């Protein structure tokens, strides 16, 4: 399986200190890494698996709170909400109590059959959910649908023959990356002993050219 898990979700904040207070001090995530310069910051919070990250810059504004989690909309949008996992029913209600004590409005708990969930918003109006899985799914695939999607019931595993095969794989010598905005961060971390390179990273870093400008989409994480 090529995709091993969630690396990070990236959002926008106009108030990084308030965001750190919420995700680190209230939700209990680790503030793992960050880079900042010239009116721009990119900070990462570690969950049990994966990270959630935030960009802060001068023209950022809070997200519009114009839709609640899961409610249908005709607006041209693809994002609905982020759901976090907790280990137990007790942890779910401990989080609910903690949020409410902090003045955060919490909806639920709601029993969805396979999970119990609570719903709330972060300081940037990002819709969040916390869920406790009350069932362990035993089948390879478990779907309850009045009109099942035929392509879905083909099976849980990847189905061959629907995409072209790779005919021109990238040679090892061409496995290089363009320098991105965070390149100086890596150099600093290595010098300061805050990180170590993983196997596969060339001694010279494996990057070509100068770091991209912030306005470039490539390389900003």
C-alpha atoms as a PDB file:
ATOM      1  CA  UNK A   1       0.000   0.000   0.000  1.00  0.00           C
ATOM      2  CA  UNK A   2       1.554   3.283  -1.125  1.00  0.00           C
ATOM      3  CA  UNK A   3      -0.479   5.549   1.143  1.00  0.00           C
ATOM      4  CA  UNK A   4       0.628   4.806   4.715  1.00  0.00           C
ATOM      5  CA  UNK A   5      -1.487   7.315   6.597  1.00  0.00           C
ATOM      6  CA  UNK A   6      -2.348  10.964   7.013  1.00  0.00           C
ATOM      7  CA  UNK A   7       0.736  13.186   7.001  1.00  0.00           C
ATOM      8  CA  UNK A   8      -0.946  16.496   7.772  1.00  0.00           C
ATOM      9  CA  UNK A   9      -4.006  18.630   7.182  1.00  0.00           C
ATOM     10  CA  UNK A  10      -3.183  22.277   6.453  1.00  0.00           C
ATOM     11  CA  UNK A  11      -5.457  25.163   7.447  1.00  0.00           C
ATOM     12  CA  UNK A  12      -5.232  28.945   7.754  1.00  0.00           C
ATOM     13  CA  UNK A  13      -5.245  31.100  10.883  1.00  0.00           C
ATOM     14  CA  UNK A  14      -5.064  34.835  11.416  1.00  0.00           C
ATOM     15  CA  UNK A  15      -4.129  34.321  15.094  1.00  0.00           C
ATOM     16  CA  UNK A  16      -1.440  31.707  15.648  1.00  0.00           C
ATOM     17  CA  UNK A  17      -1.095  32.306  19.426  1.00  0.00           C
ATOM     18  CA  UNK A  18      -4.828  31.648  19.916  1.00  0.00           C
ATOM     19  CA  UNK A  19      -4.562  28.573  17.673  1.00  0.00           C
ATOM     20  CA  UNK A  20      -1.620  27.228  19.709  1.00  0.00           C
ATOM     21  CA  UNK A  21      -3.563  27.757  22.920  1.00  0.00           C
ATOM     22  CA  UNK A  22      -6.473  25.747  21.496  1.00  0.00           C
ATOM     23  CA  UNK A  23      -4.672  22.816  19.846  1.00  0.00           C
ATOM     24  CA  UNK A  24      -1.735  22.446  22.259  1.00  0.00           C
ATOM     25  CA  UNK A  25      -3.094  23.598  25.604  1.00  0.00           C
ATOM     26  CA  UNK A  26      -6.775  22.650  25.294  1.00  0.00           C
ATOM     27  CA  UNK A  27      -6.836  19.654  22.919  1.00  0.00           C
ATOM     28  CA  UNK A  28      -3.440  18.416  24.156  1.00  0.00           C
ATOM     29  CA  UNK A  29      -1.598  18.052  20.839  1.00  0.00           C
ATOM     30  CA  UNK A  30       2.181  18.491  20.701  1.00  0.00           C
ATOM     31  CA  UNK A  31       3.497  21.603  18.956  1.00  0.00           C
ATOM     32  CA  UNK A  32       6.047  19.642  16.930  1.00  0.00           C
ATOM     33  CA  UNK A  33       7.599  21.996  14.359  1.00  0.00           C
ATOM     34  CA  UNK A  34       7.328  25.422  12.823  1.00  0.00           C
ATOM     35  CA  UNK A  35       8.913  27.926  10.475  1.00  0.00           C
ATOM     36  CA  UNK A  36       8.347  31.664  10.316  1.00  0.00           C
ATOM     37  CA  UNK A  37       9.717  34.687   8.467  1.00  0.00           C
ATOM     38  CA  UNK A  38       8.606  37.850   6.670  1.00  0.00           C
ATOM     39  CA  UNK A  39       5.015  37.920   7.875  1.00  0.00           C
ATOM     40  CA  UNK A  40       4.526  34.174   7.327  1.00  0.00           C
ATOM     41  CA  UNK A  41       4.405  31.174   9.671  1.00  0.00           C
ATOM     42  CA  UNK A  42       3.733  27.455   9.171  1.00  0.00           C
ATOM     43  CA  UNK A  43       3.338  25.431  12.406  1.00  0.00           C
ATOM     44  CA  UNK A  44       2.604  21.721  12.938  1.00  0.00           C
ATOM     45  CA  UNK A  45       0.729  19.967  15.760  1.00  0.00           C
ATOM     46  CA  UNK A  46       1.233  16.217  16.312  1.00  0.00           C
ATOM     47  CA  UNK A  47      -1.659  13.852  16.936  1.00  0.00           C
ATOM     48  CA  UNK A  48      -1.324  10.127  17.671  1.00  0.00           C
ATOM     49  CA  UNK A  49      -1.107   9.585  13.912  1.00  0.00           C
ATOM     50  CA  UNK A  50      -0.538  12.460  11.542  1.00  0.00           C
ATOM     51  CA  UNK A  51      -0.392  16.201  12.083  1.00  0.00           C
ATOM     52  CA  UNK A  52      -2.560  19.270  11.698  1.00  0.00           C
ATOM     53  CA  UNK A  53      -0.812  22.382  10.416  1.00  0.00           C
ATOM     54  CA  UNK A  54      -1.586  26.083  10.152  1.00  0.00           C
ATOM     55  CA  UNK A  55      -0.448  28.906   7.922  1.00  0.00           C
ATOM     56  CA  UNK A  56      -0.476  32.403   9.422  1.00  0.00           C
ATOM     57  CA  UNK A  57       0.071  35.485   7.284  1.00  0.00           C
ATOM     58  CA  UNK A  58      -0.962  39.130   7.308  1.00  0.00           C
ATOM     59  CA  UNK A  59      -4.002  38.909   5.031  1.00  0.00           C
ATOM     60  CA  UNK A  60      -5.467  35.757   6.644  1.00  0.00           C
ATOM     61  CA  UNK A  61      -9.040  35.855   7.932  1.00  0.00           C
ATOM     62  CA  UNK A  62     -11.087  33.340   9.938  1.00  0.00           C
ATOM     63  CA  UNK A  63     -13.072  30.768   7.966  1.00  0.00           C
ATOM     64  CA  UNK A  64     -16.771  31.618   7.502  1.00  0.00           C
ATOM     65  CA  UNK A  65     -18.976  29.644   9.883  1.00  0.00           C
ATOM     66  CA  UNK A  66     -21.749  29.187   7.311  1.00  0.00           C
ATOM     67  CA  UNK A  67     -22.316  25.443   7.573  1.00  0.00           C
ATOM     68  CA  UNK A  68     -22.577  22.884  10.366  1.00  0.00           C
ATOM     69  CA  UNK A  69     -20.858  19.494  10.158  1.00  0.00           C
ATOM     70  CA  UNK A  70     -22.507  17.078   7.744  1.00  0.00           C
ATOM     71  CA  UNK A  71     -25.385  19.294   6.656  1.00  0.00           C
ATOM     72  CA  UNK A  72     -26.052  19.242   2.887  1.00  0.00           C
ATOM     73  CA  UNK A  73     -25.105  22.312   0.876  1.00  0.00           C
ATOM     74  CA  UNK A  74     -25.378  23.411  -2.751  1.00  0.00           C
ATOM     75  CA  UNK A  75     -22.279  25.590  -2.382  1.00  0.00           C
ATOM     76  CA  UNK A  76     -19.254  24.635  -4.523  1.00  0.00           C
ATOM     77  CA  UNK A  77     -17.086  23.312  -1.703  1.00  0.00           C
ATOM     78  CA  UNK A  78     -15.331  20.034  -0.948  1.00  0.00           C
ATOM     79  CA  UNK A  79     -14.341  20.379   2.709  1.00  0.00           C
ATOM     80  CA  UNK A  80     -16.884  19.515   5.418  1.00  0.00           C
ATOM     81  CA  UNK A  81     -15.101  18.886   8.743  1.00  0.00           C
ATOM     82  CA  UNK A  82     -12.176  17.194  10.489  1.00  0.00           C
ATOM     83  CA  UNK A  83     -12.832  14.258  12.841  1.00  0.00           C
ATOM     84  CA  UNK A  84     -10.366  13.248  15.562  1.00  0.00           C
ATOM     85  CA  UNK A  85     -10.280   9.876  17.339  1.00  0.00           C
ATOM     86  CA  UNK A  86     -10.442   9.304  21.088  1.00  0.00           C
ATOM     87  CA  UNK A  87      -9.809   5.947  22.744  1.00  0.00           C
ATOM     88  CA  UNK A  88     -12.865   5.528  24.950  1.00  0.00           C
ATOM     89  CA  UNK A  89     -16.320   6.799  25.896  1.00  0.00           C
ATOM     90  CA  UNK A  90     -14.803   8.309  29.026  1.00  0.00           C
ATOM     91  CA  UNK A  91     -12.239  10.205  26.935  1.00  0.00           C
ATOM     92  CA  UNK A  92     -14.988  11.513  24.661  1.00  0.00           C
ATOM     93  CA  UNK A  93     -16.898  12.998  27.581  1.00  0.00           C
ATOM     94  CA  UNK A  94     -13.704  14.214  29.246  1.00  0.00           C
ATOM     95  CA  UNK A  95     -12.978  16.194  26.084  1.00  0.00           C
ATOM     96  CA  UNK A  96     -16.565  17.468  26.001  1.00  0.00           C
ATOM     97  CA  UNK A  97     -16.243  18.629  29.611  1.00  0.00           C
ATOM     98  CA  UNK A  98     -12.898  20.277  28.901  1.00  0.00           C
ATOM     99  CA  UNK A  99     -14.230  22.156  25.884  1.00  0.00           C
ATOM    100  CA  UNK A 100     -17.340  23.342  27.685  1.00  0.00           C
ATOM    101  CA  UNK A 101     -15.296  24.506  30.667  1.00  0.00           C
ATOM    102  CA  UNK A 102     -13.292  26.617  28.213  1.00  0.00           C
ATOM    103  CA  UNK A 103     -16.475  28.202  26.865  1.00  0.00           C
ATOM    104  CA  UNK A 104     -16.532  26.213  23.607  1.00  0.00           C
ATOM    105  CA  UNK A 105     -20.022  25.228  22.426  1.00  0.00           C
ATOM    106  CA  UNK A 106     -20.272  21.449  21.989  1.00  0.00           C
ATOM    107  CA  UNK A 107     -23.031  19.531  20.202  1.00  0.00           C
ATOM    108  CA  UNK A 108     -23.627  15.868  21.086  1.00  0.00           C
ATOM    109  CA  UNK A 109     -22.762  13.201  21.880  1.00  0.00           C
ATOM    110  CA  UNK A 110     -24.469  11.625  18.857  1.00  0.00           C
ATOM    111  CA  UNK A 111     -24.644   7.842  18.333  1.00  0.00           C
ATOM    112  CA  UNK A 112     -23.866   7.105  14.652  1.00  0.00           C
ATOM    113  CA  UNK A 113     -24.068   3.324  15.001  1.00  0.00           C
ATOM    114  CA  UNK A 114     -20.356   2.657  14.568  1.00  0.00           C
ATOM    115  CA  UNK A 115     -19.189   5.664  16.597  1.00  0.00           C
ATOM    116  CA  UNK A 116     -20.245   8.309  19.110  1.00  0.00           C
ATOM    117  CA  UNK A 117     -19.320  11.873  18.176  1.00  0.00           C
ATOM    118  CA  UNK A 118     -19.239  15.405  19.546  1.00  0.00           C
ATOM    119  CA  UNK A 119     -19.062  18.514  17.365  1.00  0.00           C
ATOM    120  CA  UNK A 120     -17.422  21.911  17.910  1.00  0.00           C
ATOM    121  CA  UNK A 121     -15.494  24.698  16.159  1.00  0.00           C
ATOM    122  CA  UNK A 122     -11.924  25.876  16.663  1.00  0.00           C
ATOM    123  CA  UNK A 123     -11.004  29.603  17.039  1.00  0.00           C
ATOM    124  CA  UNK A 124     -10.681  29.851  13.243  1.00  0.00           C
ATOM    125  CA  UNK A 125     -14.264  28.531  12.750  1.00  0.00           C
ATOM    126  CA  UNK A 126     -12.947  25.222  11.413  1.00  0.00           C
ATOM    127  CA  UNK A 127     -15.599  22.540  12.087  1.00  0.00           C
ATOM    128  CA  UNK A 128     -14.200  19.723  14.238  1.00  0.00           C
ATOM    129  CA  UNK A 129     -15.502  16.369  15.471  1.00  0.00           C
ATOM    130  CA  UNK A 130     -14.201  13.954  18.093  1.00  0.00           C
ATOM    131  CA  UNK A 131     -15.294  10.323  17.799  1.00  0.00           C
ATOM    132  CA  UNK A 132     -15.150   7.150  19.856  1.00  0.00           C
ATOM    133  CA  UNK A 133     -15.466   3.983  17.743  1.00  0.00           C
ATOM    134  CA  UNK A 134     -18.049   1.899  19.604  1.00  0.00           C
ATOM    135  CA  UNK A 135     -17.842  -0.978  17.106  1.00  0.00           C
ATOM    136  CA  UNK A 136     -14.947  -3.007  15.772  1.00  0.00           C
ATOM    137  CA  UNK A 137     -15.650  -3.781  12.121  1.00  0.00           C
ATOM    138  CA  UNK A 138     -14.882  -7.472  11.518  1.00  0.00           C
ATOM    139  CA  UNK A 139     -15.739  -7.848   7.822  1.00  0.00           C
ATOM    140  CA  UNK A 140     -13.353  -6.824   5.052  1.00  0.00           C
ATOM    141  CA  UNK A 141     -16.006  -4.386   3.926  1.00  0.00           C
ATOM    142  CA  UNK A 142     -19.148  -3.275   5.776  1.00  0.00           C
ATOM    143  CA  UNK A 143     -21.661  -1.128   3.883  1.00  0.00           C
ATOM    144  CA  UNK A 144     -25.335  -0.535   4.684  1.00  0.00           C
ATOM    145  CA  UNK A 145     -26.818   1.316   1.689  1.00  0.00           C
ATOM    146  CA  UNK A 146     -30.329   1.214   0.229  1.00  0.00           C
ATOM    147  CA  UNK A 147     -28.871   1.698  -3.260  1.00  0.00           C
ATOM    148  CA  UNK A 148     -25.239   0.499  -3.125  1.00  0.00           C
ATOM    149  CA  UNK A 149     -22.772   2.088  -5.522  1.00  0.00           C
ATOM    150  CA  UNK A 150     -21.698  -0.739  -7.869  1.00  0.00           C
ATOM    151  CA  UNK A 151     -18.076   0.403  -7.967  1.00  0.00           C
ATOM    152  CA  UNK A 152     -17.945   0.299  -4.146  1.00  0.00           C
ATOM    153  CA  UNK A 153     -19.250  -3.253  -3.793  1.00  0.00           C
ATOM    154  CA  UNK A 154     -16.497  -4.557  -6.066  1.00  0.00           C
ATOM    155  CA  UNK A 155     -14.486  -4.959  -2.869  1.00  0.00           C
ATOM    156  CA  UNK A 156     -12.348  -3.220  -0.290  1.00  0.00           C
ATOM    157  CA  UNK A 157      -9.028  -3.838  -2.032  1.00  0.00           C
ATOM    158  CA  UNK A 158      -7.775  -1.963  -5.127  1.00  0.00           C
ATOM    159  CA  UNK A 159      -9.348  -3.338  -8.300  1.00  0.00           C
ATOM    160  CA  UNK A 160      -6.883  -3.826 -11.181  1.00  0.00           C
ATOM    161  CA  UNK A 161      -7.350  -2.758 -14.776  1.00  0.00           C
ATOM    162  CA  UNK A 162      -8.957   0.657 -14.276  1.00  0.00           C
ATOM    163  CA  UNK A 163      -5.843   2.847 -14.556  1.00  0.00           C
ATOM    164  CA  UNK A 164      -2.903   2.765 -16.971  1.00  0.00           C
ATOM    165  CA  UNK A 165       0.195   0.865 -15.877  1.00  0.00           C
ATOM    166  CA  UNK A 166       3.421   2.798 -15.243  1.00  0.00           C
ATOM    167  CA  UNK A 167       5.580   2.599 -18.361  1.00  0.00           C
ATOM    168  CA  UNK A 168       8.218   5.228 -17.501  1.00  0.00           C
ATOM    169  CA  UNK A 169       9.217   4.916 -13.820  1.00  0.00           C
ATOM    170  CA  UNK A 170      11.403   7.665 -12.381  1.00  0.00           C
ATOM    171  CA  UNK A 171      15.079   6.553 -12.365  1.00  0.00           C
ATOM    172  CA  UNK A 172      16.803   6.832  -8.969  1.00  0.00           C
ATOM    173  CA  UNK A 173      19.128   9.531 -10.330  1.00  0.00           C
ATOM    174  CA  UNK A 174      16.111  11.717 -11.081  1.00  0.00           C
ATOM    175  CA  UNK A 175      14.522  11.311  -7.639  1.00  0.00           C
ATOM    176  CA  UNK A 176      15.239  14.902  -6.606  1.00  0.00           C
ATOM    177  CA  UNK A 177      13.053  17.681  -5.230  1.00  0.00           C
ATOM    178  CA  UNK A 178      12.960  21.413  -5.837  1.00  0.00           C
ATOM    179  CA  UNK A 179      13.917  23.547  -2.872  1.00  0.00           C
ATOM    180  CA  UNK A 180      10.826  24.674  -0.962  1.00  0.00           C
ATOM    181  CA  UNK A 181      10.015  27.275   1.648  1.00  0.00           C
ATOM    182  CA  UNK A 182      10.949  24.965   4.536  1.00  0.00           C
ATOM    183  CA  UNK A 183      14.438  24.086   3.308  1.00  0.00           C
ATOM    184  CA  UNK A 184      16.219  26.507   5.699  1.00  0.00           C
ATOM    185  CA  UNK A 185      14.189  24.978   8.541  1.00  0.00           C
ATOM    186  CA  UNK A 186      15.695  21.542   7.884  1.00  0.00           C
ATOM    187  CA  UNK A 187      19.217  22.944   7.735  1.00  0.00           C
ATOM    188  CA  UNK A 188      18.679  24.743  11.038  1.00  0.00           C
ATOM    189  CA  UNK A 189      17.140  21.693  12.737  1.00  0.00           C
ATOM    190  CA  UNK A 190      20.023  19.453  11.693  1.00  0.00           C
ATOM    191  CA  UNK A 191      22.657  21.940  12.864  1.00  0.00           C
ATOM    192  CA  UNK A 192      20.907  22.405  16.220  1.00  0.00           C
ATOM    193  CA  UNK A 193      20.381  18.685  16.795  1.00  0.00           C
ATOM    194  CA  UNK A 194      16.581  19.039  16.741  1.00  0.00           C
ATOM    195  CA  UNK A 195      16.119  16.443  14.000  1.00  0.00           C
ATOM    196  CA  UNK A 196      17.960  13.740  12.056  1.00  0.00           C
ATOM    197  CA  UNK A 197      17.765  12.826   8.396  1.00  0.00           C
ATOM    198  CA  UNK A 198      15.861   9.698   7.445  1.00  0.00           C
ATOM    199  CA  UNK A 199      17.324   7.003   5.167  1.00  0.00           C
ATOM    200  CA  UNK A 200      16.967   8.006   1.545  1.00  0.00           C
ATOM    201  CA  UNK A 201      17.730  11.695   1.956  1.00  0.00           C
ATOM    202  CA  UNK A 202      20.916  12.432  -0.035  1.00  0.00           C
ATOM    203  CA  UNK A 203      23.844  13.974   1.798  1.00  0.00           C
ATOM    204  CA  UNK A 204      23.374  17.179  -0.195  1.00  0.00           C
ATOM    205  CA  UNK A 205      19.676  17.213   0.628  1.00  0.00           C
ATOM    206  CA  UNK A 206      18.567  16.061  -2.805  1.00  0.00           C
ATOM    207  CA  UNK A 207      17.057  19.445  -3.684  1.00  0.00           C
ATOM    208  CA  UNK A 208      17.644  21.513  -6.786  1.00  0.00           C
ATOM    209  CA  UNK A 209      17.672  25.288  -7.138  1.00  0.00           C
ATOM    210  CA  UNK A 210      16.830  28.054  -4.717  1.00  0.00           C
ATOM    211  CA  UNK A 211      13.808  27.868  -2.383  1.00  0.00           C
ATOM    212  CA  UNK A 212      10.515  28.773  -4.033  1.00  0.00           C
ATOM    213  CA  UNK A 213       8.819  32.056  -3.220  1.00  0.00           C
ATOM    214  CA  UNK A 214       5.880  31.918  -0.790  1.00  0.00           C
ATOM    215  CA  UNK A 215       3.486  32.652  -3.636  1.00  0.00           C
ATOM    216  CA  UNK A 216       4.474  29.421  -5.345  1.00  0.00           C
ATOM    217  CA  UNK A 217       2.266  26.461  -4.513  1.00  0.00           C
ATOM    218  CA  UNK A 218       5.092  23.935  -4.678  1.00  0.00           C
ATOM    219  CA  UNK A 219       7.126  23.348  -1.576  1.00  0.00           C
ATOM    220  CA  UNK A 220       5.161  25.198   1.113  1.00  0.00           C
ATOM    221  CA  UNK A 221       3.893  22.079   2.844  1.00  0.00           C
END
